């Protein structure tokens, strides 16, 4: 059971109400994670703004979702794992590809490099070797895309921590966590 109250869209007002309405338009519902974050105008603006900015970034939606499921699995965030598995399939990945990404694997070399880097950053709390960044360059990412990958990592840590720490109820089809290799 959630550790905080979930905002009820009809009972909110101002910027949060506007943002919840945007989310409802985008998803057809307001997922519980956004209802949890709806308790703070600043946190909500930060999260929704990050989703919007990164959604119009240079990385593909599919790669963003693959990064998200890898980090969610690492952090044992069932909410994000379930949500981003659905979103990854909407972005063109198969269920098998999303399952592989959950374990930090991809048959696409550039995606593999991004997943390896993302998990390295998370596991080492940002303290990565120069060679880790160089592996992204070797895979064809430029500096702007590398910064975007780090931004995706940060956003996913934010959402994982919201959902795990506050025990937000999963309202997407459940996906089983996998043991770390």
C-alpha atoms as a PDB file:
ATOM      1  CA  UNK A   1       0.000   0.000   0.000  1.00  0.00           C
ATOM      2  CA  UNK A   2       1.292   3.414  -0.895  1.00  0.00           C
ATOM      3  CA  UNK A   3       3.018   5.319   1.877  1.00  0.00           C
ATOM      4  CA  UNK A   4       1.517   8.650   0.809  1.00  0.00           C
ATOM      5  CA  UNK A   5      -1.829   9.788  -0.521  1.00  0.00           C
ATOM      6  CA  UNK A   6      -2.279   9.717  -4.276  1.00  0.00           C
ATOM      7  CA  UNK A   7      -3.574  12.993  -5.694  1.00  0.00           C
ATOM      8  CA  UNK A   8      -7.104  12.779  -7.068  1.00  0.00           C
ATOM      9  CA  UNK A   9      -7.093  14.717 -10.354  1.00  0.00           C
ATOM     10  CA  UNK A  10     -10.622  16.079  -9.849  1.00  0.00           C
ATOM     11  CA  UNK A  11      -9.595  17.448  -6.444  1.00  0.00           C
ATOM     12  CA  UNK A  12      -6.461  19.256  -7.628  1.00  0.00           C
ATOM     13  CA  UNK A  13      -6.123  22.751  -9.039  1.00  0.00           C
ATOM     14  CA  UNK A  14      -3.618  25.086 -10.626  1.00  0.00           C
ATOM     15  CA  UNK A  15      -0.494  23.805 -12.354  1.00  0.00           C
ATOM     16  CA  UNK A  16      -0.831  20.277 -10.981  1.00  0.00           C
ATOM     17  CA  UNK A  17      -4.371  19.990 -12.339  1.00  0.00           C
ATOM     18  CA  UNK A  18      -3.181  21.214 -15.742  1.00  0.00           C
ATOM     19  CA  UNK A  19      -0.325  18.721 -15.775  1.00  0.00           C
ATOM     20  CA  UNK A  20      -2.552  15.851 -14.651  1.00  0.00           C
ATOM     21  CA  UNK A  21      -4.950  16.763 -17.456  1.00  0.00           C
ATOM     22  CA  UNK A  22      -2.031  16.684 -19.934  1.00  0.00           C
ATOM     23  CA  UNK A  23      -1.035  13.252 -18.655  1.00  0.00           C
ATOM     24  CA  UNK A  24      -4.604  12.017 -18.895  1.00  0.00           C
ATOM     25  CA  UNK A  25      -4.676  13.224 -22.505  1.00  0.00           C
ATOM     26  CA  UNK A  26      -1.358  11.514 -23.257  1.00  0.00           C
ATOM     27  CA  UNK A  27      -2.097   8.182 -21.548  1.00  0.00           C
ATOM     28  CA  UNK A  28      -5.883   8.029 -21.355  1.00  0.00           C
ATOM     29  CA  UNK A  29      -5.516   7.741 -17.545  1.00  0.00           C
ATOM     30  CA  UNK A  30      -3.380   9.308 -14.852  1.00  0.00           C
ATOM     31  CA  UNK A  31      -0.908   6.619 -13.749  1.00  0.00           C
ATOM     32  CA  UNK A  32      -0.377   6.256 -10.004  1.00  0.00           C
ATOM     33  CA  UNK A  33       3.214   7.494 -10.163  1.00  0.00           C
ATOM     34  CA  UNK A  34       2.014  10.892 -11.374  1.00  0.00           C
ATOM     35  CA  UNK A  35      -0.702  10.905  -8.742  1.00  0.00           C
ATOM     36  CA  UNK A  36       1.985  10.315  -6.090  1.00  0.00           C
ATOM     37  CA  UNK A  37       4.230  13.079  -7.429  1.00  0.00           C
ATOM     38  CA  UNK A  38       1.136  15.298  -7.696  1.00  0.00           C
ATOM     39  CA  UNK A  39       1.599  16.016  -3.994  1.00  0.00           C
ATOM     40  CA  UNK A  40       4.412  18.444  -4.853  1.00  0.00           C
ATOM     41  CA  UNK A  41       4.126  21.116  -7.506  1.00  0.00           C
ATOM     42  CA  UNK A  42       7.916  21.439  -7.775  1.00  0.00           C
ATOM     43  CA  UNK A  43       8.585  17.688  -8.022  1.00  0.00           C
ATOM     44  CA  UNK A  44       5.767  17.279 -10.511  1.00  0.00           C
ATOM     45  CA  UNK A  45       7.016  20.100 -12.735  1.00  0.00           C
ATOM     46  CA  UNK A  46      10.526  18.642 -12.606  1.00  0.00           C
ATOM     47  CA  UNK A  47       9.440  15.126 -13.549  1.00  0.00           C
ATOM     48  CA  UNK A  48       6.915  16.040 -16.241  1.00  0.00           C
ATOM     49  CA  UNK A  49       9.285  18.624 -17.698  1.00  0.00           C
ATOM     50  CA  UNK A  50      12.073  16.045 -17.872  1.00  0.00           C
ATOM     51  CA  UNK A  51       9.830  13.528 -19.612  1.00  0.00           C
ATOM     52  CA  UNK A  52       8.840  16.173 -22.153  1.00  0.00           C
ATOM     53  CA  UNK A  53      12.361  17.435 -22.761  1.00  0.00           C
ATOM     54  CA  UNK A  54      13.887  13.983 -23.142  1.00  0.00           C
ATOM     55  CA  UNK A  55      10.949  12.802 -25.232  1.00  0.00           C
ATOM     56  CA  UNK A  56      11.899  15.408 -27.813  1.00  0.00           C
ATOM     57  CA  UNK A  57      15.618  14.719 -27.494  1.00  0.00           C
ATOM     58  CA  UNK A  58      17.918  13.019 -29.959  1.00  0.00           C
ATOM     59  CA  UNK A  59      17.796   9.531 -28.482  1.00  0.00           C
ATOM     60  CA  UNK A  60      15.044   7.286 -29.804  1.00  0.00           C
ATOM     61  CA  UNK A  61      12.030   6.592 -27.627  1.00  0.00           C
ATOM     62  CA  UNK A  62      12.886   2.912 -27.843  1.00  0.00           C
ATOM     63  CA  UNK A  63      16.416   3.424 -26.482  1.00  0.00           C
ATOM     64  CA  UNK A  64      15.047   5.597 -23.687  1.00  0.00           C
ATOM     65  CA  UNK A  65      12.640   2.811 -22.708  1.00  0.00           C
ATOM     66  CA  UNK A  66      15.375   0.172 -22.905  1.00  0.00           C
ATOM     67  CA  UNK A  67      17.526   2.252 -20.558  1.00  0.00           C
ATOM     68  CA  UNK A  68      14.525   2.665 -18.261  1.00  0.00           C
ATOM     69  CA  UNK A  69      13.819  -1.070 -17.922  1.00  0.00           C
ATOM     70  CA  UNK A  70      17.493  -1.878 -17.315  1.00  0.00           C
ATOM     71  CA  UNK A  71      17.682   0.676 -14.503  1.00  0.00           C
ATOM     72  CA  UNK A  72      14.282  -0.328 -13.100  1.00  0.00           C
ATOM     73  CA  UNK A  73      15.333  -3.950 -12.908  1.00  0.00           C
ATOM     74  CA  UNK A  74      18.662  -2.986 -11.293  1.00  0.00           C
ATOM     75  CA  UNK A  75      16.831  -0.880  -8.683  1.00  0.00           C
ATOM     76  CA  UNK A  76      14.053  -3.443  -8.221  1.00  0.00           C
ATOM     77  CA  UNK A  77      11.423  -0.890  -9.232  1.00  0.00           C
ATOM     78  CA  UNK A  78       8.452  -2.985 -10.286  1.00  0.00           C
ATOM     79  CA  UNK A  79       6.431   0.100 -11.180  1.00  0.00           C
ATOM     80  CA  UNK A  80       8.922   1.498 -13.686  1.00  0.00           C
ATOM     81  CA  UNK A  81       9.699  -1.944 -15.056  1.00  0.00           C
ATOM     82  CA  UNK A  82       6.018  -2.522 -15.821  1.00  0.00           C
ATOM     83  CA  UNK A  83       5.364   0.972 -17.212  1.00  0.00           C
ATOM     84  CA  UNK A  84       8.469   1.174 -19.395  1.00  0.00           C
ATOM     85  CA  UNK A  85       8.013  -2.341 -20.748  1.00  0.00           C
ATOM     86  CA  UNK A  86       4.624  -1.237 -22.104  1.00  0.00           C
ATOM     87  CA  UNK A  87       6.065   2.042 -23.391  1.00  0.00           C
ATOM     88  CA  UNK A  88       9.023   0.251 -25.003  1.00  0.00           C
ATOM     89  CA  UNK A  89       6.682  -1.980 -26.941  1.00  0.00           C
ATOM     90  CA  UNK A  90       4.727   1.087 -28.041  1.00  0.00           C
ATOM     91  CA  UNK A  91       8.072   2.527 -29.213  1.00  0.00           C
ATOM     92  CA  UNK A  92       8.660  -0.498 -31.461  1.00  0.00           C
ATOM     93  CA  UNK A  93      10.515  -3.042 -29.331  1.00  0.00           C
ATOM     94  CA  UNK A  94       9.232  -6.584 -29.010  1.00  0.00           C
ATOM     95  CA  UNK A  95       8.510  -8.209 -25.656  1.00  0.00           C
ATOM     96  CA  UNK A  96      11.662 -10.290 -26.135  1.00  0.00           C
ATOM     97  CA  UNK A  97      13.757  -7.191 -26.819  1.00  0.00           C
ATOM     98  CA  UNK A  98      12.402  -5.446 -23.731  1.00  0.00           C
ATOM     99  CA  UNK A  99      13.114  -8.546 -21.651  1.00  0.00           C
ATOM    100  CA  UNK A 100      16.703  -8.534 -22.908  1.00  0.00           C
ATOM    101  CA  UNK A 101      17.022  -4.807 -22.160  1.00  0.00           C
ATOM    102  CA  UNK A 102      15.815  -5.507 -18.640  1.00  0.00           C
ATOM    103  CA  UNK A 103      18.990  -7.572 -18.245  1.00  0.00           C
ATOM    104  CA  UNK A 104      21.097  -4.876 -19.933  1.00  0.00           C
ATOM    105  CA  UNK A 105      21.307  -6.698 -23.263  1.00  0.00           C
ATOM    106  CA  UNK A 106      20.520  -5.678 -26.829  1.00  0.00           C
ATOM    107  CA  UNK A 107      21.286  -7.172 -30.236  1.00  0.00           C
ATOM    108  CA  UNK A 108      21.781  -3.613 -31.521  1.00  0.00           C
ATOM    109  CA  UNK A 109      25.437  -2.685 -30.825  1.00  0.00           C
ATOM    110  CA  UNK A 110      24.724   1.000 -30.142  1.00  0.00           C
ATOM    111  CA  UNK A 111      21.881   0.139 -27.747  1.00  0.00           C
ATOM    112  CA  UNK A 112      24.118  -2.427 -26.043  1.00  0.00           C
ATOM    113  CA  UNK A 113      26.751   0.248 -25.451  1.00  0.00           C
ATOM    114  CA  UNK A 114      24.133   2.595 -23.953  1.00  0.00           C
ATOM    115  CA  UNK A 115      22.719  -0.115 -21.678  1.00  0.00           C
ATOM    116  CA  UNK A 116      26.180  -1.162 -20.489  1.00  0.00           C
ATOM    117  CA  UNK A 117      27.037   2.462 -19.762  1.00  0.00           C
ATOM    118  CA  UNK A 118      23.739   3.146 -17.980  1.00  0.00           C
ATOM    119  CA  UNK A 119      24.155   0.177 -15.668  1.00  0.00           C
ATOM    120  CA  UNK A 120      27.794   1.139 -15.037  1.00  0.00           C
ATOM    121  CA  UNK A 121      26.729   4.659 -14.050  1.00  0.00           C
ATOM    122  CA  UNK A 122      24.010   3.367 -11.717  1.00  0.00           C
ATOM    123  CA  UNK A 123      26.140   0.623 -10.152  1.00  0.00           C
ATOM    124  CA  UNK A 124      29.044   3.010  -9.557  1.00  0.00           C
ATOM    125  CA  UNK A 125      26.942   6.064  -8.660  1.00  0.00           C
ATOM    126  CA  UNK A 126      28.409   8.028 -11.546  1.00  0.00           C
ATOM    127  CA  UNK A 127      32.033   7.139 -10.769  1.00  0.00           C
ATOM    128  CA  UNK A 128      32.775   5.596 -14.180  1.00  0.00           C
ATOM    129  CA  UNK A 129      36.083   5.182 -15.948  1.00  0.00           C
ATOM    130  CA  UNK A 130      37.004   7.243 -19.009  1.00  0.00           C
ATOM    131  CA  UNK A 131      36.829   3.994 -20.991  1.00  0.00           C
ATOM    132  CA  UNK A 132      33.122   3.701 -20.147  1.00  0.00           C
ATOM    133  CA  UNK A 133      32.395   7.034 -21.844  1.00  0.00           C
ATOM    134  CA  UNK A 134      34.755   6.158 -24.682  1.00  0.00           C
ATOM    135  CA  UNK A 135      32.740   2.995 -25.345  1.00  0.00           C
ATOM    136  CA  UNK A 136      29.763   5.228 -26.121  1.00  0.00           C
ATOM    137  CA  UNK A 137      31.836   7.296 -28.555  1.00  0.00           C
ATOM    138  CA  UNK A 138      33.116   4.089 -30.153  1.00  0.00           C
ATOM    139  CA  UNK A 139      29.493   2.997 -30.628  1.00  0.00           C
ATOM    140  CA  UNK A 140      28.716   6.241 -32.475  1.00  0.00           C
ATOM    141  CA  UNK A 141      27.278   8.494 -29.773  1.00  0.00           C
ATOM    142  CA  UNK A 142      28.374  12.130 -29.776  1.00  0.00           C
ATOM    143  CA  UNK A 143      28.793  14.321 -26.696  1.00  0.00           C
ATOM    144  CA  UNK A 144      25.210  15.615 -26.820  1.00  0.00           C
ATOM    145  CA  UNK A 145      23.804  12.092 -26.960  1.00  0.00           C
ATOM    146  CA  UNK A 146      26.092  10.999 -24.117  1.00  0.00           C
ATOM    147  CA  UNK A 147      24.776  13.836 -21.955  1.00  0.00           C
ATOM    148  CA  UNK A 148      21.230  12.811 -22.906  1.00  0.00           C
ATOM    149  CA  UNK A 149      21.915   9.228 -21.821  1.00  0.00           C
ATOM    150  CA  UNK A 150      23.031  10.538 -18.426  1.00  0.00           C
ATOM    151  CA  UNK A 151      19.865  12.665 -18.237  1.00  0.00           C
ATOM    152  CA  UNK A 152      17.756   9.558 -18.935  1.00  0.00           C
ATOM    153  CA  UNK A 153      19.630   7.751 -16.171  1.00  0.00           C
ATOM    154  CA  UNK A 154      18.956  10.586 -13.718  1.00  0.00           C
ATOM    155  CA  UNK A 155      15.259  10.760 -14.583  1.00  0.00           C
ATOM    156  CA  UNK A 156      14.901   7.014 -14.146  1.00  0.00           C
ATOM    157  CA  UNK A 157      16.631   7.118 -10.772  1.00  0.00           C
ATOM    158  CA  UNK A 158      14.174   9.836  -9.732  1.00  0.00           C
ATOM    159  CA  UNK A 159      11.139   7.814 -10.810  1.00  0.00           C
ATOM    160  CA  UNK A 160      12.519   4.557  -9.363  1.00  0.00           C
ATOM    161  CA  UNK A 161      13.098   6.189  -6.000  1.00  0.00           C
ATOM    162  CA  UNK A 162       9.632   7.772  -5.950  1.00  0.00           C
ATOM    163  CA  UNK A 163       7.976   4.442  -6.700  1.00  0.00           C
ATOM    164  CA  UNK A 164      10.101   2.230  -4.455  1.00  0.00           C
ATOM    165  CA  UNK A 165      10.426   4.549  -1.457  1.00  0.00           C
ATOM    166  CA  UNK A 166       6.746   5.517  -1.481  1.00  0.00           C
ATOM    167  CA  UNK A 167       5.471   2.037  -2.472  1.00  0.00           C
ATOM    168  CA  UNK A 168       3.368   3.373  -5.337  1.00  0.00           C
ATOM    169  CA  UNK A 169       0.875   0.716  -6.499  1.00  0.00           C
ATOM    170  CA  UNK A 170       1.643  -0.659  -9.959  1.00  0.00           C
ATOM    171  CA  UNK A 171      -1.160   0.081 -12.418  1.00  0.00           C
ATOM    172  CA  UNK A 172       0.451  -1.413 -15.542  1.00  0.00           C
ATOM    173  CA  UNK A 173       0.666  -5.108 -16.468  1.00  0.00           C
ATOM    174  CA  UNK A 174       3.150  -6.689 -14.068  1.00  0.00           C
ATOM    175  CA  UNK A 175       6.629  -7.686 -15.274  1.00  0.00           C
ATOM    176  CA  UNK A 176       8.765 -10.039 -13.211  1.00  0.00           C
ATOM    177  CA  UNK A 177      12.034  -8.647 -11.913  1.00  0.00           C
ATOM    178  CA  UNK A 178      15.146 -10.582 -12.961  1.00  0.00           C
ATOM    179  CA  UNK A 179      18.136 -11.404 -10.824  1.00  0.00           C
ATOM    180  CA  UNK A 180      21.195  -9.312 -11.518  1.00  0.00           C
ATOM    181  CA  UNK A 181      23.828 -11.214 -13.482  1.00  0.00           C
END
